Amino acid sequence: MQIPTQIEERFRALGLNVQEVEERFVRGTGPGGQKINKTSSTVWLRHGPSRIEVKCQAGRSQLANRETAWNELCGKLEGQQDQKKQAAKQDREKQRRRVRQKSPRQKARMVDGKKHRAKHKAKRGRVRGED
């Protein structure tokens, strides 16, 4: 069967290949009577490299289920890539915050804290050992 061009375009935009997806048609389960149990209207897709699986049995039509399954798979793959991009962006921001210079106010507070701590330490006496 031919895959819709919009799905191929979405895969290309993600930098993935449609041939990496394994597609199977399996018998349906659950309520629906004899028709659902006799026909292979359920569509099962698995993207090999990412191991993402989608199973669709929304309707009685195999073509409609197939289109829905491909759209769900694209959505999950896009979500996965968005999460990776967000994680990379957060890492960059974390690194930027860690290495940026302190503001003058932050420096002043830090120096005040050190001076305060030095006063406490200065009040301590010298430790003398047994002579």
C-alpha atoms as a PDB file:
ATOM      1  CA  MET A   1       0.000   0.000   0.000  1.00  0.00           C
ATOM      2  CA  GLN A   2       1.086   3.520  -0.699  1.00  0.00           C
ATOM      3  CA  ILE A   3       1.800   5.841   2.229  1.00  0.00           C
ATOM      4  CA  PRO A   4       0.173   9.288   2.014  1.00  0.00           C
ATOM      5  CA  THR A   5       2.525  12.028   0.833  1.00  0.00           C
ATOM      6  CA  GLN A   6       1.813  14.201   3.866  1.00  0.00           C
ATOM      7  CA  ILE A   7       3.145  11.416   6.116  1.00  0.00           C
ATOM      8  CA  GLU A   8       6.262  11.064   3.965  1.00  0.00           C
ATOM      9  CA  GLU A   9       6.799  14.830   4.191  1.00  0.00           C
ATOM     10  CA  ARG A  10       6.456  14.754   7.976  1.00  0.00           C
ATOM     11  CA  PHE A  11       9.012  11.932   8.157  1.00  0.00           C
ATOM     12  CA  ARG A  12      11.389  13.832   5.883  1.00  0.00           C
ATOM     13  CA  ALA A  13      11.010  16.936   8.053  1.00  0.00           C
ATOM     14  CA  LEU A  14      11.971  14.823  11.072  1.00  0.00           C
ATOM     15  CA  GLY A  15      14.970  13.442   9.210  1.00  0.00           C
ATOM     16  CA  LEU A  16      13.609   9.887   9.344  1.00  0.00           C
ATOM     17  CA  ASN A  17      12.969   7.254   6.705  1.00  0.00           C
ATOM     18  CA  VAL A  18       9.547   5.665   6.128  1.00  0.00           C
ATOM     19  CA  GLN A  19      11.235   2.322   5.378  1.00  0.00           C
ATOM     20  CA  GLU A  20      12.328   2.125   9.030  1.00  0.00           C
ATOM     21  CA  VAL A  21       8.693   1.530  10.033  1.00  0.00           C
ATOM     22  CA  GLU A  22       7.352  -1.999  10.304  1.00  0.00           C
ATOM     23  CA  GLU A  23       3.657  -2.207   9.446  1.00  0.00           C
ATOM     24  CA  ARG A  24       1.350  -5.128  10.227  1.00  0.00           C
ATOM     25  CA  PHE A  25      -2.351  -5.729   9.968  1.00  0.00           C
ATOM     26  CA  VAL A  26      -3.704  -7.878  12.783  1.00  0.00           C
ATOM     27  CA  ARG A  27      -7.098  -9.135  13.848  1.00  0.00           C
ATOM     28  CA  GLY A  28      -9.039  -6.884  16.116  1.00  0.00           C
ATOM     29  CA  THR A  29     -10.073  -7.677  19.667  1.00  0.00           C
ATOM     30  CA  GLY A  30     -12.761  -6.541  22.030  1.00  0.00           C
ATOM     31  CA  PRO A  31     -16.398  -5.688  21.419  1.00  0.00           C
ATOM     32  CA  GLY A  32     -17.719  -5.496  17.896  1.00  0.00           C
ATOM     33  CA  GLY A  33     -19.005  -8.953  17.186  1.00  0.00           C
ATOM     34  CA  GLN A  34     -17.892 -11.401  14.569  1.00  0.00           C
ATOM     35  CA  LYS A  35     -16.838  -8.777  12.035  1.00  0.00           C
ATOM     36  CA  ILE A  36     -14.078  -7.333  14.223  1.00  0.00           C
ATOM     37  CA  ASN A  37     -12.763 -10.799  15.135  1.00  0.00           C
ATOM     38  CA  LYS A  38     -12.629 -12.101  11.545  1.00  0.00           C
ATOM     39  CA  THR A  39     -10.991  -9.194   9.713  1.00  0.00           C
ATOM     40  CA  SER A  40      -7.505  -7.756  10.035  1.00  0.00           C
ATOM     41  CA  SER A  41      -8.585  -4.172  10.469  1.00  0.00           C
ATOM     42  CA  THR A  42      -6.204  -3.312  13.317  1.00  0.00           C
ATOM     43  CA  VAL A  43      -3.011  -1.564  12.205  1.00  0.00           C
ATOM     44  CA  TRP A  44       0.219  -2.024  14.160  1.00  0.00           C
ATOM     45  CA  LEU A  45       3.254   0.167  13.424  1.00  0.00           C
ATOM     46  CA  ARG A  46       6.714   0.132  14.986  1.00  0.00           C
ATOM     47  CA  HIS A  47       9.554   2.532  14.242  1.00  0.00           C
ATOM     48  CA  GLY A  48      12.670   0.368  14.482  1.00  0.00           C
ATOM     49  CA  PRO A  49      15.366   2.796  15.687  1.00  0.00           C
ATOM     50  CA  SER A  50      13.235   4.520  18.342  1.00  0.00           C
ATOM     51  CA  ARG A  51      11.184   1.401  19.278  1.00  0.00           C
ATOM     52  CA  ILE A  52       7.969   3.453  19.328  1.00  0.00           C
ATOM     53  CA  GLU A  53       4.863   1.373  18.694  1.00  0.00           C
ATOM     54  CA  VAL A  54       1.364   2.408  17.683  1.00  0.00           C
ATOM     55  CA  LYS A  55      -1.689   0.177  17.480  1.00  0.00           C
ATOM     56  CA  CYS A  56      -4.924   1.536  16.054  1.00  0.00           C
ATOM     57  CA  GLN A  57      -8.351  -0.091  16.040  1.00  0.00           C
ATOM     58  CA  ALA A  58     -10.476   3.061  16.077  1.00  0.00           C
ATOM     59  CA  GLY A  59     -12.882   2.033  13.325  1.00  0.00           C
ATOM     60  CA  ARG A  60     -13.945  -0.849  11.134  1.00  0.00           C
ATOM     61  CA  SER A  61     -12.069   0.403   8.090  1.00  0.00           C
ATOM     62  CA  GLN A  62      -8.493  -0.755   7.668  1.00  0.00           C
ATOM     63  CA  LEU A  63      -7.607   2.313   5.556  1.00  0.00           C
ATOM     64  CA  ALA A  64      -8.978   4.730   8.151  1.00  0.00           C
ATOM     65  CA  ASN A  65      -7.150   2.894  10.939  1.00  0.00           C
ATOM     66  CA  ARG A  66      -3.963   2.921   8.891  1.00  0.00           C
ATOM     67  CA  GLU A  67      -4.078   6.662   8.345  1.00  0.00           C
ATOM     68  CA  THR A  68      -4.840   7.277  12.021  1.00  0.00           C
ATOM     69  CA  ALA A  69      -1.969   5.008  13.096  1.00  0.00           C
ATOM     70  CA  TRP A  70       0.532   6.763  10.792  1.00  0.00           C
ATOM     71  CA  ASN A  71      -0.576  10.166  12.122  1.00  0.00           C
ATOM     72  CA  GLU A  72      -0.216   8.965  15.722  1.00  0.00           C
ATOM     73  CA  LEU A  73       3.241   7.579  14.987  1.00  0.00           C
ATOM     74  CA  CYS A  74       4.321  10.878  13.419  1.00  0.00           C
ATOM     75  CA  GLY A  75       2.960  12.748  16.430  1.00  0.00           C
ATOM     76  CA  LYS A  76       4.876  10.548  18.859  1.00  0.00           C
ATOM     77  CA  LEU A  77       8.108  10.869  16.869  1.00  0.00           C
ATOM     78  CA  GLU A  78       7.700  14.660  16.689  1.00  0.00           C
ATOM     79  CA  GLY A  79       7.049  14.760  20.426  1.00  0.00           C
ATOM     80  CA  GLN A  80      10.171  12.723  21.075  1.00  0.00           C
ATOM     81  CA  GLN A  81      12.304  15.067  18.969  1.00  0.00           C
ATOM     82  CA  ASP A  82      10.750  18.097  20.685  1.00  0.00           C
ATOM     83  CA  GLN A  83      11.676  16.614  24.068  1.00  0.00           C
ATOM     84  CA  LYS A  84      15.261  16.108  22.928  1.00  0.00           C
ATOM     85  CA  LYS A  85      15.437  19.706  21.682  1.00  0.00           C
ATOM     86  CA  GLN A  86      13.974  21.004  24.955  1.00  0.00           C
ATOM     87  CA  ALA A  87      16.464  18.976  27.003  1.00  0.00           C
ATOM     88  CA  ALA A  88      19.377  20.303  24.935  1.00  0.00           C
ATOM     89  CA  LYS A  89      18.093  23.866  25.316  1.00  0.00           C
ATOM     90  CA  GLN A  90      17.751  23.433  29.083  1.00  0.00           C
ATOM     91  CA  ASP A  91      21.302  22.078  29.289  1.00  0.00           C
ATOM     92  CA  ARG A  92      22.614  25.092  27.367  1.00  0.00           C
ATOM     93  CA  GLU A  93      20.705  27.473  29.638  1.00  0.00           C
ATOM     94  CA  LYS A  94      21.964  25.703  32.742  1.00  0.00           C
ATOM     95  CA  GLN A  95      25.545  25.967  31.502  1.00  0.00           C
ATOM     96  CA  ARG A  96      25.051  29.636  30.617  1.00  0.00           C
ATOM     97  CA  ARG A  97      23.705  30.439  34.090  1.00  0.00           C
ATOM     98  CA  ARG A  98      26.541  28.522  35.725  1.00  0.00           C
ATOM     99  CA  VAL A  99      29.387  30.349  33.965  1.00  0.00           C
ATOM    100  CA  ARG A 100      27.980  33.868  33.726  1.00  0.00           C
ATOM    101  CA  GLN A 101      29.518  36.645  35.788  1.00  0.00           C
ATOM    102  CA  LYS A 102      27.937  37.655  39.030  1.00  0.00           C
ATOM    103  CA  SER A 103      26.141  40.962  39.126  1.00  0.00           C
ATOM    104  CA  PRO A 104      27.625  43.762  41.251  1.00  0.00           C
ATOM    105  CA  ARG A 105      24.876  43.228  43.818  1.00  0.00           C
ATOM    106  CA  GLN A 106      25.600  39.501  44.047  1.00  0.00           C
ATOM    107  CA  LYS A 107      29.317  40.191  44.477  1.00  0.00           C
ATOM    108  CA  ALA A 108      28.625  42.731  47.239  1.00  0.00           C
ATOM    109  CA  ARG A 109      26.398  40.271  49.108  1.00  0.00           C
ATOM    110  CA  MET A 110      29.017  37.541  48.768  1.00  0.00           C
ATOM    111  CA  VAL A 111      31.775  39.809  50.128  1.00  0.00           C
ATOM    112  CA  ASP A 112      29.542  40.918  53.021  1.00  0.00           C
ATOM    113  CA  GLY A 113      28.893  37.281  53.884  1.00  0.00           C
ATOM    114  CA  LYS A 114      32.609  36.491  53.840  1.00  0.00           C
ATOM    115  CA  LYS A 115      33.390  39.476  56.068  1.00  0.00           C
ATOM    116  CA  HIS A 116      30.664  38.436  58.488  1.00  0.00           C
ATOM    117  CA  ARG A 117      32.056  34.898  58.638  1.00  0.00           C
ATOM    118  CA  ALA A 118      35.599  36.245  59.090  1.00  0.00           C
ATOM    119  CA  LYS A 119      34.473  38.200  62.193  1.00  0.00           C
ATOM    120  CA  HIS A 120      33.175  35.008  63.771  1.00  0.00           C
ATOM    121  CA  LYS A 121      36.370  33.171  62.976  1.00  0.00           C
ATOM    122  CA  ALA A 122      38.515  36.026  64.322  1.00  0.00           C
ATOM    123  CA  LYS A 123      36.858  35.663  67.741  1.00  0.00           C
ATOM    124  CA  ARG A 124      38.159  32.137  68.077  1.00  0.00           C
ATOM    125  CA  GLY A 125      41.302  31.687  70.074  1.00  0.00           C
ATOM    126  CA  ARG A 126      44.400  29.825  69.035  1.00  0.00           C
ATOM    127  CA  VAL A 127      44.367  26.162  69.718  1.00  0.00           C
ATOM    128  CA  ARG A 128      47.087  25.268  72.136  1.00  0.00           C
ATOM    129  CA  GLY A 129      48.387  21.827  72.556  1.00  0.00           C
ATOM    130  CA  GLU A 130      49.591  20.223  75.757  1.00  0.00           C
ATOM    131  CA  ASP A 131      53.087  21.362  76.692  1.00  0.00           C
END
